[in-house]
Amino acid sequence: YSTSDGYDASRILLTDVLSEWADLLPGNLVLGIPNRDFL
């Protein structure tokens, strides 16, 4: 997520949405939010 709407890092709070991504990955889901505009 890199939309530059100011809320990209905050999308880490959407665990239901992110869990859907996790189902597509082997192993464990890992997340990074280095700055406000990137997840």
PDB file of all heavy atoms in Angstrom:
ATOM      1  N   TYR A   1       0.872  -1.174   0.000  1.00  0.00           N
ATOM      2  CA  TYR A   1       0.000   0.000   0.000  1.00  0.00           C
ATOM      3  C   TYR A   1       0.907   1.221   0.000  1.00  0.00           C
ATOM      4  O   TYR A   1       1.677   1.445   0.947  1.00  0.00           O
ATOM      5  CB  TYR A   1      -0.908   0.024   1.229  1.00  0.00           C
ATOM      6  CG  TYR A   1      -1.999  -1.028   1.188  1.00  0.00           C
ATOM      7  CD1 TYR A   1      -1.905  -2.193   1.940  1.00  0.00           C
ATOM      8  CD2 TYR A   1      -3.127  -0.846   0.389  1.00  0.00           C
ATOM      9  CE1 TYR A   1      -2.899  -3.152   1.907  1.00  0.00           C
ATOM     10  CE2 TYR A   1      -4.132  -1.802   0.350  1.00  0.00           C
ATOM     11  CZ  TYR A   1      -4.019  -2.951   1.105  1.00  0.00           C
ATOM     12  OH  TYR A   1      -4.997  -3.905   1.057  1.00  0.00           O
ATOM     13  N   SER A   2       0.821   1.999  -1.064  1.00  0.00           N
ATOM     14  CA  SER A   2       1.630   3.215  -1.197  1.00  0.00           C
ATOM     15  C   SER A   2       0.825   4.236  -1.984  1.00  0.00           C
ATOM     16  O   SER A   2       1.205   4.660  -3.071  1.00  0.00           O
ATOM     17  CB  SER A   2       2.954   2.896  -1.909  1.00  0.00           C
ATOM     18  OG  SER A   2       3.767   4.039  -1.988  1.00  0.00           O
ATOM     19  N   THR A   3      -0.310   4.633  -1.416  1.00  0.00           N
ATOM     20  CA  THR A   3      -1.247   5.512  -2.112  1.00  0.00           C
ATOM     21  C   THR A   3      -0.961   6.984  -1.856  1.00  0.00           C
ATOM     22  O   THR A   3      -1.519   7.845  -2.529  1.00  0.00           O
ATOM     23  CB  THR A   3      -2.688   5.223  -1.660  1.00  0.00           C
ATOM     24  OG1 THR A   3      -2.824   5.592  -0.275  1.00  0.00           O
ATOM     25  CG2 THR A   3      -3.013   3.737  -1.813  1.00  0.00           C
ATOM     26  N   SER A   4      -0.132   7.270  -0.830  1.00  0.00           N
ATOM     27  CA  SER A   4       0.161   8.647  -0.410  1.00  0.00           C
ATOM     28  C   SER A   4      -1.087   9.392   0.040  1.00  0.00           C
ATOM     29  O   SER A   4      -1.154  10.619  -0.056  1.00  0.00           O
ATOM     30  CB  SER A   4       0.865   9.425  -1.542  1.00  0.00           C
ATOM     31  OG  SER A   4       2.119   8.842  -1.829  1.00  0.00           O
ATOM     32  N   ASP A   5      -2.075   8.664   0.548  1.00  0.00           N
ATOM     33  CA  ASP A   5      -3.254   9.335   1.095  1.00  0.00           C
ATOM     34  C   ASP A   5      -3.088   9.655   2.579  1.00  0.00           C
ATOM     35  O   ASP A   5      -3.994  10.200   3.205  1.00  0.00           O
ATOM     36  CB  ASP A   5      -4.522   8.505   0.868  1.00  0.00           C
ATOM     37  CG  ASP A   5      -4.508   7.162   1.606  1.00  0.00           C
ATOM     38  OD1 ASP A   5      -3.505   6.847   2.291  1.00  0.00           O
ATOM     39  OD2 ASP A   5      -5.506   6.413   1.491  1.00  0.00           O
ATOM     40  N   GLY A   6      -1.930   9.323   3.137  1.00  0.00           N
ATOM     41  CA  GLY A   6      -1.653   9.608   4.536  1.00  0.00           C
ATOM     42  C   GLY A   6      -1.949   8.461   5.483  1.00  0.00           C
ATOM     43  O   GLY A   6      -1.595   8.515   6.655  1.00  0.00           O
ATOM     44  N   TYR A   7      -2.581   7.388   4.960  1.00  0.00           N
ATOM     45  CA  TYR A   7      -3.043   6.316   5.837  1.00  0.00           C
ATOM     46  C   TYR A   7      -2.471   4.946   5.475  1.00  0.00           C
ATOM     47  O   TYR A   7      -2.975   3.915   5.942  1.00  0.00           O
ATOM     48  CB  TYR A   7      -4.579   6.248   5.811  1.00  0.00           C
ATOM     49  CG  TYR A   7      -5.226   7.582   6.056  1.00  0.00           C
ATOM     50  CD1 TYR A   7      -5.889   8.265   5.031  1.00  0.00           C
ATOM     51  CD2 TYR A   7      -5.158   8.193   7.305  1.00  0.00           C
ATOM     52  CE1 TYR A   7      -6.469   9.507   5.251  1.00  0.00           C
ATOM     53  CE2 TYR A   7      -5.737   9.433   7.532  1.00  0.00           C
ATOM     54  CZ  TYR A   7      -6.390  10.084   6.500  1.00  0.00           C
ATOM     55  OH  TYR A   7      -6.957  11.314   6.726  1.00  0.00           O
ATOM     56  N   ASP A   8      -1.427   4.910   4.656  1.00  0.00           N
ATOM     57  CA  ASP A   8      -0.904   3.609   4.214  1.00  0.00           C
ATOM     58  C   ASP A   8      -0.386   2.780   5.384  1.00  0.00           C
ATOM     59  O   ASP A   8      -0.734   1.604   5.520  1.00  0.00           O
ATOM     60  CB  ASP A   8       0.192   3.808   3.167  1.00  0.00           C
ATOM     61  CG  ASP A   8      -0.368   4.306   1.848  1.00  0.00           C
ATOM     62  OD1 ASP A   8      -1.351   3.717   1.371  1.00  0.00           O
ATOM     63  OD2 ASP A   8       0.153   5.291   1.307  1.00  0.00           O
ATOM     64  N   ALA A   9       0.436   3.358   6.236  1.00  0.00           N
ATOM     65  CA  ALA A   9       0.935   2.603   7.391  1.00  0.00           C
ATOM     66  C   ALA A   9      -0.202   2.211   8.327  1.00  0.00           C
ATOM     67  O   ALA A   9      -0.188   1.119   8.920  1.00  0.00           O
ATOM     68  CB  ALA A   9       1.982   3.421   8.141  1.00  0.00           C
ATOM     69  N   SER A  10      -1.202   3.066   8.446  1.00  0.00           N
ATOM     70  CA  SER A  10      -2.325   2.785   9.344  1.00  0.00           C
ATOM     71  C   SER A  10      -3.128   1.572   8.897  1.00  0.00           C
ATOM     72  O   SER A  10      -3.883   1.001   9.698  1.00  0.00           O
ATOM     73  CB  SER A  10      -3.246   4.005   9.430  1.00  0.00           C
ATOM     74  OG  SER A  10      -2.541   5.136   9.919  1.00  0.00           O
ATOM     75  N   ARG A  11      -2.948   1.157   7.663  1.00  0.00           N
ATOM     76  CA  ARG A  11      -3.676  -0.013   7.173  1.00  0.00           C
ATOM     77  C   ARG A  11      -3.224  -1.306   7.850  1.00  0.00           C
ATOM     78  O   ARG A  11      -3.855  -2.343   7.692  1.00  0.00           O
ATOM     79  CB  ARG A  11      -3.540  -0.104   5.645  1.00  0.00           C
ATOM     80  CG  ARG A  11      -4.320   0.997   4.941  1.00  0.00           C
ATOM     81  CD  ARG A  11      -4.253   0.931   3.411  1.00  0.00           C
ATOM     82  NE  ARG A  11      -5.283   1.777   2.848  1.00  0.00           N
ATOM     83  CZ  ARG A  11      -5.132   3.073   2.529  1.00  0.00           C
ATOM     84  NH1 ARG A  11      -3.950   3.644   2.708  1.00  0.00           N
ATOM     85  NH2 ARG A  11      -6.137   3.773   2.050  1.00  0.00           N
ATOM     86  N   ILE A  12      -2.152  -1.242   8.637  1.00  0.00           N
ATOM     87  CA  ILE A  12      -1.745  -2.406   9.418  1.00  0.00           C
ATOM     88  C   ILE A  12      -2.818  -2.751  10.455  1.00  0.00           C
ATOM     89  O   ILE A  12      -2.861  -3.871  10.970  1.00  0.00           O
ATOM     90  CB  ILE A  12      -0.381  -2.154  10.099  1.00  0.00           C
ATOM     91  CG1 ILE A  12       0.254  -3.484  10.546  1.00  0.00           C
ATOM     92  CG2 ILE A  12      -0.519  -1.198  11.257  1.00  0.00           C
ATOM     93  CD1 ILE A  12       1.678  -3.353  11.041  1.00  0.00           C
ATOM     94  N   LEU A  13      -3.690  -1.795  10.769  1.00  0.00           N
ATOM     95  CA  LEU A  13      -4.767  -2.030  11.726  1.00  0.00           C
ATOM     96  C   LEU A  13      -5.882  -2.883  11.137  1.00  0.00           C
ATOM     97  O   LEU A  13      -6.716  -3.411  11.885  1.00  0.00           O
ATOM     98  CB  LEU A  13      -5.357  -0.695  12.199  1.00  0.00           C
ATOM     99  CG  LEU A  13      -4.377   0.286  12.839  1.00  0.00           C
ATOM    100  CD1 LEU A  13      -5.071   1.607  13.139  1.00  0.00           C
ATOM    101  CD2 LEU A  13      -3.776  -0.303  14.102  1.00  0.00           C
ATOM    102  N   LEU A  14      -5.895  -3.038   9.827  1.00  0.00           N
ATOM    103  CA  LEU A  14      -6.969  -3.797   9.162  1.00  0.00           C
ATOM    104  C   LEU A  14      -6.588  -5.277   9.121  1.00  0.00           C
ATOM    105  O   LEU A  14      -6.302  -5.848   8.073  1.00  0.00           O
ATOM    106  CB  LEU A  14      -7.201  -3.253   7.756  1.00  0.00           C
ATOM    107  CG  LEU A  14      -7.556  -1.761   7.673  1.00  0.00           C
ATOM    108  CD1 LEU A  14      -7.702  -1.333   6.215  1.00  0.00           C
ATOM    109  CD2 LEU A  14      -8.841  -1.464   8.458  1.00  0.00           C
ATOM    110  N   THR A  15      -6.607  -5.909  10.274  1.00  0.00           N
ATOM    111  CA  THR A  15      -6.142  -7.298  10.365  1.00  0.00           C
ATOM    112  C   THR A  15      -6.996  -8.249   9.535  1.00  0.00           C
ATOM    113  O   THR A  15      -6.486  -9.259   9.043  1.00  0.00           O
ATOM    114  CB  THR A  15      -6.125  -7.756  11.828  1.00  0.00           C
ATOM    115  OG1 THR A  15      -7.429  -7.581  12.405  1.00  0.00           O
ATOM    116  CG2 THR A  15      -5.118  -6.944  12.633  1.00  0.00           C
ATOM    117  N   ASP A  16      -8.276  -7.941   9.366  1.00  0.00           N
ATOM    118  CA  ASP A  16      -9.123  -8.816   8.551  1.00  0.00           C
ATOM    119  C   ASP A  16      -8.704  -8.766   7.085  1.00  0.00           C
ATOM    120  O   ASP A  16      -8.645  -9.801   6.409  1.00  0.00           O
ATOM    121  CB  ASP A  16     -10.596  -8.436   8.698  1.00  0.00           C
ATOM    122  CG  ASP A  16     -10.855  -6.953   8.424  1.00  0.00           C
ATOM    123  OD1 ASP A  16      -9.924  -6.141   8.583  1.00  0.00           O
ATOM    124  OD2 ASP A  16     -11.998  -6.611   8.052  1.00  0.00           O
ATOM    125  N   VAL A  17      -8.390  -7.561   6.599  1.00  0.00           N
ATOM    126  CA  VAL A  17      -7.942  -7.415   5.212  1.00  0.00           C
ATOM    127  C   VAL A  17      -6.576  -8.066   5.012  1.00  0.00           C
ATOM    128  O   VAL A  17      -6.350  -8.804   4.045  1.00  0.00           O
ATOM    129  CB  VAL A  17      -7.881  -5.924   4.819  1.00  0.00           C
ATOM    130  CG1 VAL A  17      -7.306  -5.761   3.414  1.00  0.00           C
ATOM    131  CG2 VAL A  17      -9.263  -5.287   4.907  1.00  0.00           C
ATOM    132  N   LEU A  18      -5.656  -7.832   5.942  1.00  0.00           N
ATOM    133  CA  LEU A  18      -4.307  -8.375   5.821  1.00  0.00           C
ATOM    134  C   LEU A  18      -4.297  -9.899   5.955  1.00  0.00           C
ATOM    135  O   LEU A  18      -3.459 -10.573   5.345  1.00  0.00           O
ATOM    136  CB  LEU A  18      -3.393  -7.747   6.866  1.00  0.00           C
ATOM    137  CG  LEU A  18      -3.245  -6.226   6.769  1.00  0.00           C
ATOM    138  CD1 LEU A  18      -2.312  -5.715   7.854  1.00  0.00           C
ATOM    139  CD2 LEU A  18      -2.731  -5.811   5.404  1.00  0.00           C
ATOM    140  N   SER A  19      -5.207 -10.439   6.735  1.00  0.00           N
ATOM    141  CA  SER A  19      -5.270 -11.900   6.885  1.00  0.00           C
ATOM    142  C   SER A  19      -5.642 -12.572   5.563  1.00  0.00           C
ATOM    143  O   SER A  19      -5.226 -13.708   5.300  1.00  0.00           O
ATOM    144  CB  SER A  19      -6.284 -12.272   7.975  1.00  0.00           C
ATOM    145  OG  SER A  19      -5.825 -11.859   9.250  1.00  0.00           O
ATOM    146  N   GLU A  20      -6.388 -11.880   4.738  1.00  0.00           N
ATOM    147  CA  GLU A  20      -6.709 -12.428   3.423  1.00  0.00           C
ATOM    148  C   GLU A  20      -5.448 -12.513   2.561  1.00  0.00           C
ATOM    149  O   GLU A  20      -5.281 -13.464   1.789  1.00  0.00           O
ATOM    150  CB  GLU A  20      -7.771 -11.564   2.740  1.00  0.00           C
ATOM    151  CG  GLU A  20      -9.127 -11.607   3.437  1.00  0.00           C
ATOM    152  CD  GLU A  20     -10.162 -10.756   2.736  1.00  0.00           C
ATOM    153  OE1 GLU A  20      -9.850 -10.198   1.660  1.00  0.00           O
ATOM    154  OE2 GLU A  20     -11.282 -10.639   3.254  1.00  0.00           O
ATOM    155  N   TRP A  21      -4.575 -11.516   2.692  1.00  0.00           N
ATOM    156  CA  TRP A  21      -3.293 -11.590   1.977  1.00  0.00           C
ATOM    157  C   TRP A  21      -2.451 -12.736   2.533  1.00  0.00           C
ATOM    158  O   TRP A  21      -1.770 -13.439   1.796  1.00  0.00           O
ATOM    159  CB  TRP A  21      -2.534 -10.281   2.112  1.00  0.00           C
ATOM    160  CG  TRP A  21      -3.133  -9.126   1.376  1.00  0.00           C
ATOM    161  CD1 TRP A  21      -3.698  -8.013   1.906  1.00  0.00           C
ATOM    162  CD2 TRP A  21      -3.235  -8.974  -0.048  1.00  0.00           C
ATOM    163  NE1 TRP A  21      -4.142  -7.169   0.919  1.00  0.00           N
ATOM    164  CE2 TRP A  21      -3.863  -7.734  -0.296  1.00  0.00           C
ATOM    165  CE3 TRP A  21      -2.845  -9.755  -1.125  1.00  0.00           C
ATOM    166  CZ2 TRP A  21      -4.116  -7.263  -1.574  1.00  0.00           C
ATOM    167  CZ3 TRP A  21      -3.095  -9.280  -2.411  1.00  0.00           C
ATOM    168  CH2 TRP A  21      -3.725  -8.062  -2.622  1.00  0.00           C
ATOM    169  N   ALA A  22      -2.484 -12.909   3.851  1.00  0.00           N
ATOM    170  CA  ALA A  22      -1.688 -13.962   4.480  1.00  0.00           C
ATOM    171  C   ALA A  22      -2.053 -15.335   3.940  1.00  0.00           C
ATOM    172  O   ALA A  22      -1.192 -16.215   3.813  1.00  0.00           O
ATOM    173  CB  ALA A  22      -1.871 -13.918   5.997  1.00  0.00           C
ATOM    174  N   ASP A  23      -3.326 -15.535   3.625  1.00  0.00           N
ATOM    175  CA  ASP A  23      -3.775 -16.832   3.116  1.00  0.00           C
ATOM    176  C   ASP A  23      -3.160 -17.163   1.759  1.00  0.00           C
ATOM    177  O   ASP A  23      -3.144 -18.327   1.348  1.00  0.00           O
ATOM    178  CB  ASP A  23      -5.304 -16.842   3.004  1.00  0.00           C
ATOM    179  CG  ASP A  23      -5.991 -16.784   4.368  1.00  0.00           C
ATOM    180  OD1 ASP A  23      -5.321 -17.120   5.372  1.00  0.00           O
ATOM    181  OD2 ASP A  23      -7.167 -16.399   4.415  1.00  0.00           O
ATOM    182  N   LEU A  24      -2.656 -16.161   1.054  1.00  0.00           N
ATOM    183  CA  LEU A  24      -2.080 -16.379  -0.275  1.00  0.00           C
ATOM    184  C   LEU A  24      -0.583 -16.675  -0.223  1.00  0.00           C
ATOM    185  O   LEU A  24       0.012 -17.022  -1.242  1.00  0.00           O
ATOM    186  CB  LEU A  24      -2.308 -15.145  -1.153  1.00  0.00           C
ATOM    187  CG  LEU A  24      -3.772 -14.722  -1.358  1.00  0.00           C
ATOM    188  CD1 LEU A  24      -3.830 -13.435  -2.183  1.00  0.00           C
ATOM    189  CD2 LEU A  24      -4.568 -15.818  -2.039  1.00  0.00           C
ATOM    190  N   LEU A  25       0.013 -16.534   0.966  1.00  0.00           N
ATOM    191  CA  LEU A  25       1.464 -16.651   1.085  1.00  0.00           C
ATOM    192  C   LEU A  25       1.877 -17.956   1.746  1.00  0.00           C
ATOM    193  O   LEU A  25       1.207 -18.417   2.676  1.00  0.00           O
ATOM    194  CB  LEU A  25       2.019 -15.494   1.923  1.00  0.00           C
ATOM    195  CG  LEU A  25       1.817 -14.075   1.400  1.00  0.00           C
ATOM    196  CD1 LEU A  25       2.293 -13.071   2.446  1.00  0.00           C
ATOM    197  CD2 LEU A  25       2.552 -13.863   0.089  1.00  0.00           C
ATOM    198  N   PRO A  26       3.002 -18.542   1.333  1.00  0.00           N
ATOM    199  CA  PRO A  26       3.581 -19.644   2.096  1.00  0.00           C
ATOM    200  C   PRO A  26       4.244 -19.093   3.349  1.00  0.00           C
ATOM    201  O   PRO A  26       4.617 -17.925   3.397  1.00  0.00           O
ATOM    202  CB  PRO A  26       4.624 -20.225   1.132  1.00  0.00           C
ATOM    203  CG  PRO A  26       5.032 -19.064   0.287  1.00  0.00           C
ATOM    204  CD  PRO A  26       3.786 -18.213   0.130  1.00  0.00           C
ATOM    205  N   GLY A  27       4.381 -19.899   4.382  1.00  0.00           N
ATOM    206  CA  GLY A  27       5.008 -19.420   5.605  1.00  0.00           C
ATOM    207  C   GLY A  27       4.144 -18.404   6.317  1.00  0.00           C
ATOM    208  O   GLY A  27       2.916 -18.403   6.204  1.00  0.00           O
ATOM    209  N   ASN A  28       4.793 -17.499   7.060  1.00  0.00           N
ATOM    210  CA  ASN A  28       4.092 -16.466   7.822  1.00  0.00           C
ATOM    211  C   ASN A  28       4.080 -15.137   7.077  1.00  0.00           C
ATOM    212  O   ASN A  28       5.004 -14.827   6.331  1.00  0.00           O
ATOM    213  CB  ASN A  28       4.778 -16.251   9.180  1.00  0.00           C
ATOM    214  CG  ASN A  28       4.748 -17.490  10.048  1.00  0.00           C
ATOM    215  OD1 ASN A  28       3.692 -18.017  10.355  1.00  0.00           O
ATOM    216  ND2 ASN A  28       5.935 -17.964  10.436  1.00  0.00           N
ATOM    217  N   LEU A  29       3.031 -14.369   7.310  1.00  0.00           N
ATOM    218  CA  LEU A  29       2.963 -13.010   6.788  1.00  0.00           C
ATOM    219  C   LEU A  29       3.869 -12.106   7.620  1.00  0.00           C
ATOM    220  O   LEU A  29       3.820 -12.119   8.850  1.00  0.00           O
ATOM    221  CB  LEU A  29       1.525 -12.493   6.863  1.00  0.00           C
ATOM    222  CG  LEU A  29       1.310 -10.999   6.594  1.00  0.00           C
ATOM    223  CD1 LEU A  29       1.615 -10.663   5.147  1.00  0.00           C
ATOM    224  CD2 LEU A  29      -0.108 -10.585   6.972  1.00  0.00           C
ATOM    225  N   VAL A  30       4.704 -11.317   6.956  1.00  0.00           N
ATOM    226  CA  VAL A  30       5.545 -10.321   7.612  1.00  0.00           C
ATOM    227  C   VAL A  30       5.172  -8.958   7.031  1.00  0.00           C
ATOM    228  O   VAL A  30       4.958  -8.820   5.821  1.00  0.00           O
ATOM    229  CB  VAL A  30       7.048 -10.600   7.395  1.00  0.00           C
ATOM    230  CG1 VAL A  30       7.893  -9.589   8.177  1.00  0.00           C
ATOM    231  CG2 VAL A  30       7.396 -12.015   7.821  1.00  0.00           C
ATOM    232  N   LEU A  31       5.105  -7.950   7.906  1.00  0.00           N
ATOM    233  CA  LEU A  31       4.692  -6.616   7.498  1.00  0.00           C
ATOM    234  C   LEU A  31       5.742  -5.585   7.891  1.00  0.00           C
ATOM    235  O   LEU A  31       6.437  -5.743   8.904  1.00  0.00           O
ATOM    236  CB  LEU A  31       3.364  -6.240   8.165  1.00  0.00           C
ATOM    237  CG  LEU A  31       2.162  -7.137   7.850  1.00  0.00           C
ATOM    238  CD1 LEU A  31       1.058  -6.919   8.869  1.00  0.00           C
ATOM    239  CD2 LEU A  31       1.658  -6.879   6.441  1.00  0.00           C
ATOM    240  N   GLY A  32       5.834  -4.533   7.112  1.00  0.00           N
ATOM    241  CA  GLY A  32       6.714  -3.416   7.430  1.00  0.00           C
ATOM    242  C   GLY A  32       6.006  -2.102   7.186  1.00  0.00           C
ATOM    243  O   GLY A  32       5.280  -1.965   6.191  1.00  0.00           O
ATOM    244  N   ILE A  33       6.197  -1.148   8.097  1.00  0.00           N
ATOM    245  CA  ILE A  33       5.649   0.212   7.924  1.00  0.00           C
ATOM    246  C   ILE A  33       6.775   1.213   8.218  1.00  0.00           C
ATOM    247  O   ILE A  33       6.778   1.886   9.253  1.00  0.00           O
ATOM    248  CB  ILE A  33       4.423   0.472   8.828  1.00  0.00           C
ATOM    249  CG1 ILE A  33       4.695   0.040  10.281  1.00  0.00           C
ATOM    250  CG2 ILE A  33       3.201  -0.243   8.287  1.00  0.00           C
ATOM    251  CD1 ILE A  33       3.595   0.477  11.253  1.00  0.00           C
ATOM    252  N   PRO A  34       7.749   1.320   7.312  1.00  0.00           N
ATOM    253  CA  PRO A  34       8.894   2.200   7.572  1.00  0.00           C
ATOM    254  C   PRO A  34       8.525   3.669   7.691  1.00  0.00           C
ATOM    255  O   PRO A  34       9.173   4.412   8.413  1.00  0.00           O
ATOM    256  CB  PRO A  34       9.802   1.956   6.370  1.00  0.00           C
ATOM    257  CG  PRO A  34       8.884   1.456   5.292  1.00  0.00           C
ATOM    258  CD  PRO A  34       7.849   0.650   6.006  1.00  0.00           C
ATOM    259  N   ASN A  35       7.483   4.082   6.986  1.00  0.00           N
ATOM    260  CA  ASN A  35       7.034   5.465   7.131  1.00  0.00           C
ATOM    261  C   ASN A  35       5.533   5.542   6.902  1.00  0.00           C
ATOM    262  O   ASN A  35       4.880   4.543   6.584  1.00  0.00           O
ATOM    263  CB  ASN A  35       7.800   6.406   6.191  1.00  0.00           C
ATOM    264  CG  ASN A  35       7.280   6.364   4.767  1.00  0.00           C
ATOM    265  OD1 ASN A  35       6.824   5.328   4.292  1.00  0.00           O
ATOM    266  ND2 ASN A  35       7.356   7.489   4.072  1.00  0.00           N
ATOM    267  N   ARG A  36       4.999   6.730   7.079  1.00  0.00           N
ATOM    268  CA  ARG A  36       3.550   6.926   7.035  1.00  0.00           C
ATOM    269  C   ARG A  36       2.923   6.468   5.728  1.00  0.00           C
ATOM    270  O   ARG A  36       1.782   5.984   5.706  1.00  0.00           O
ATOM    271  CB  ARG A  36       3.253   8.421   7.241  1.00  0.00           C
ATOM    272  CG  ARG A  36       1.789   8.783   7.303  1.00  0.00           C
ATOM    273  CD  ARG A  36       1.607  10.272   7.122  1.00  0.00           C
ATOM    274  NE  ARG A  36       2.014  10.700   5.774  1.00  0.00           N
ATOM    275  CZ  ARG A  36       2.039  11.962   5.375  1.00  0.00           C
ATOM    276  NH1 ARG A  36       1.717  12.924   6.210  1.00  0.00           N
ATOM    277  NH2 ARG A  36       2.403  12.270   4.141  1.00  0.00           N
ATOM    278  N   ASP A  37       3.646   6.601   4.634  1.00  0.00           N
ATOM    279  CA  ASP A  37       3.066   6.381   3.308  1.00  0.00           C
ATOM    280  C   ASP A  37       3.485   5.063   2.674  1.00  0.00           C
ATOM    281  O   ASP A  37       3.563   4.968   1.443  1.00  0.00           O
ATOM    282  CB  ASP A  37       3.455   7.552   2.389  1.00  0.00           C
ATOM    283  CG  ASP A  37       2.884   8.869   2.885  1.00  0.00           C
ATOM    284  OD1 ASP A  37       1.702   8.893   3.268  1.00  0.00           O
ATOM    285  OD2 ASP A  37       3.624   9.865   2.910  1.00  0.00           O
ATOM    286  N   PHE A  38       3.715   4.038   3.500  1.00  0.00           N
ATOM    287  CA  PHE A  38       4.147   2.769   2.915  1.00  0.00           C
ATOM    288  C   PHE A  38       3.839   1.615   3.862  1.00  0.00           C
ATOM    289  O   PHE A  38       4.148   1.673   5.047  1.00  0.00           O
ATOM    290  CB  PHE A  38       5.654   2.797   2.633  1.00  0.00           C
ATOM    291  CG  PHE A  38       6.133   1.721   1.701  1.00  0.00           C
ATOM    292  CD1 PHE A  38       5.964   1.838   0.329  1.00  0.00           C
ATOM    293  CD2 PHE A  38       6.747   0.583   2.191  1.00  0.00           C
ATOM    294  CE1 PHE A  38       6.415   0.850  -0.530  1.00  0.00           C
ATOM    295  CE2 PHE A  38       7.198  -0.419   1.345  1.00  0.00           C
ATOM    296  CZ  PHE A  38       7.033  -0.274  -0.023  1.00  0.00           C
ATOM    297  N   LEU A  39       3.223   0.586   3.324  1.00  0.00           N
ATOM    298  CA  LEU A  39       3.047  -0.690   4.020  1.00  0.00           C
ATOM    299  C   LEU A  39       3.381  -1.789   3.038  1.00  0.00           C
ATOM    300  O   LEU A  39       2.882  -1.791   1.907  1.00  0.00           O
ATOM    301  CB  LEU A  39       1.618  -0.864   4.531  1.00  0.00           C
ATOM    302  CG  LEU A  39       1.312  -2.160   5.311  1.00  0.00           C
ATOM    303  CD1 LEU A  39       0.167  -1.931   6.301  1.00  0.00           C
ATOM    304  CD2 LEU A  39       0.953  -3.339   4.392  1.00  0.00           C
TER     305      LEU A  39
END
